[in-house]
């Protein structure tokens, strides 16, 4: 009898536990994970530019916690997004640059959507979340289809390019261009299609809690969006960036000046396109904000409005002339500081009271999103995550916070460190910068050489990493190919027009005989560099615009076979069979 009662008690206890677990699982909050590409602080609530129109970003910020001192982990898409989805800093993963491959550097790492999927969530997404690939194994569903590994829906563009900015040379990214498109949002496609797909899932009751990612591509280049978004910013009213100052580089080291003065900005000014470029960026932000509005409206009108965490972030900022720079790839605040907004509903396991409207000025990194979301949803932490959870700041935006934010450049040992008031920049050659952002938000005055700030400099140095992982270089097979240009008998390869920074190109000989690699100089002369055996390869440092000719090395030695013209990035050049 006692045994029977014991068994009944255990059975009831198990049923009670199962029901309790089911109830708890049923209350797990959903996660809406929104990324906006290349968005700096030009949004209303961060006051980066007085003409920015971002009503939907502003309304989301007003309903949650806005982090005004949030920084990307790297000022480039690939390492920044990798840090977000893995929770691992570049100085630990060894992934610092766009040209590296995430799955080569971190072949077995579990990405955030997979962690949620394994915990019983439906993990789905649309648009650009990782760097030009989807990583199909990490998602339950994706649009476009995850098997394609192409995250971009069809997007309308101009029939002929360039539209506004002539190509300055092989150094120039071909997407650096802008202009209005005569189309409706729906006809334009792209981010509109992403917002529609995400909105449909938010509008329907779901059987499981969901982790739903929404990647809005604009304001990433090219800045082509429907005309009505350009019309909102008349060209004659465009204001220059508030952070621009003509003598801004006077107190910087040669290393910093070399990083700052890229040729995009001077090229844009020569062609009198500075204000047009600003107009294109503002228009693209306004368009991205409108697409965000469609997503937020779908959430608020749907069945999940009271049980969905919203996390919005951008992968890095963008220079539009500040520090005489255009693009990204720097650790100055205009490039490292990004929008970060979190809104948590009541009842979330990690924050039962949810978030109230508030602002936090504490220094935080994007890689903290992974541990934060797991804690909020009541899921166990992962040892791989090396960033602190932001839950204490979601509970109290002014809570004690001992952490700093780190932004790593493309070389180990070059980084920016952000504290609550101060920013410390360190370059691999030992050069340093120090800024008091409370009084100098645009970082115009470098205080690193001032005696009165010596203690502050030493304190910030002590907070920096002591070791840096070596970069994991991409495998030859994963590099983009250079087009092979065969030469007919009597034809000559053109002269080189080298222009830009150096990088490696790997020459691969797939032919049956030995070949000779020759550089074509500016006058059309030939300079031999190497002989490559059949099946062999040769790594050569080179520059954009360089021309490398391939000639026979035996049996008609010296006869030209073809050539490669180097583009703007590391590549492989395959001599065909």
Foldseek 3Di string as FASTA:
>chain_A
DVVVVVVVVVVVVVVVVVVVVVVLQVQQFFAEEEAEAQAFQLDDVLPQDPLFDFVQVVVLLQFAEWENQEFFLALAQAQRLLLLFQLAHCLVQQAFDPQADSCLSPVDGQTLQQLVVVVFAQEEEAADRHNQFDPLVSHPAYPVGNVVRGRWDDFDDDPDDDDQADDPALQDDRQQHADEDADDQVVRDTLLVLLVVLLVVLADDDPGRYHYYGYRYPPPGDLYYHPVLLVSPDLVNQDAGPLADPCLCVPFDPVLLVQLADCPLVSCVVSPCLSVSVSSRSSRSNVSSVSSVSNVVSNVNHPNVQRYKYWYKYSWHFDSCRSNHGGIQDAFSNTTGIIITIWGHACQQLHNRTAGNYYALFYAYSSLVSQQSCNRSVHDDDPSNDGHHCSVCRNPSDDDDPDWRWYDGSAPQFIWIGGSQKIWTADNVGTIFIDRCVVVVSRRDGCPPPPVCVVVNVVVVVNDDPGGDHRSRHDQVPFAEFDWFWDDFPDADAAFDFDDDKDKEKEFEQDQAKKWKWWQHNVRDTDTDDIAGHGGMDIDIGGQRTKIWIAGCDDRGPGTTTITGDGNDYGYYYDHD
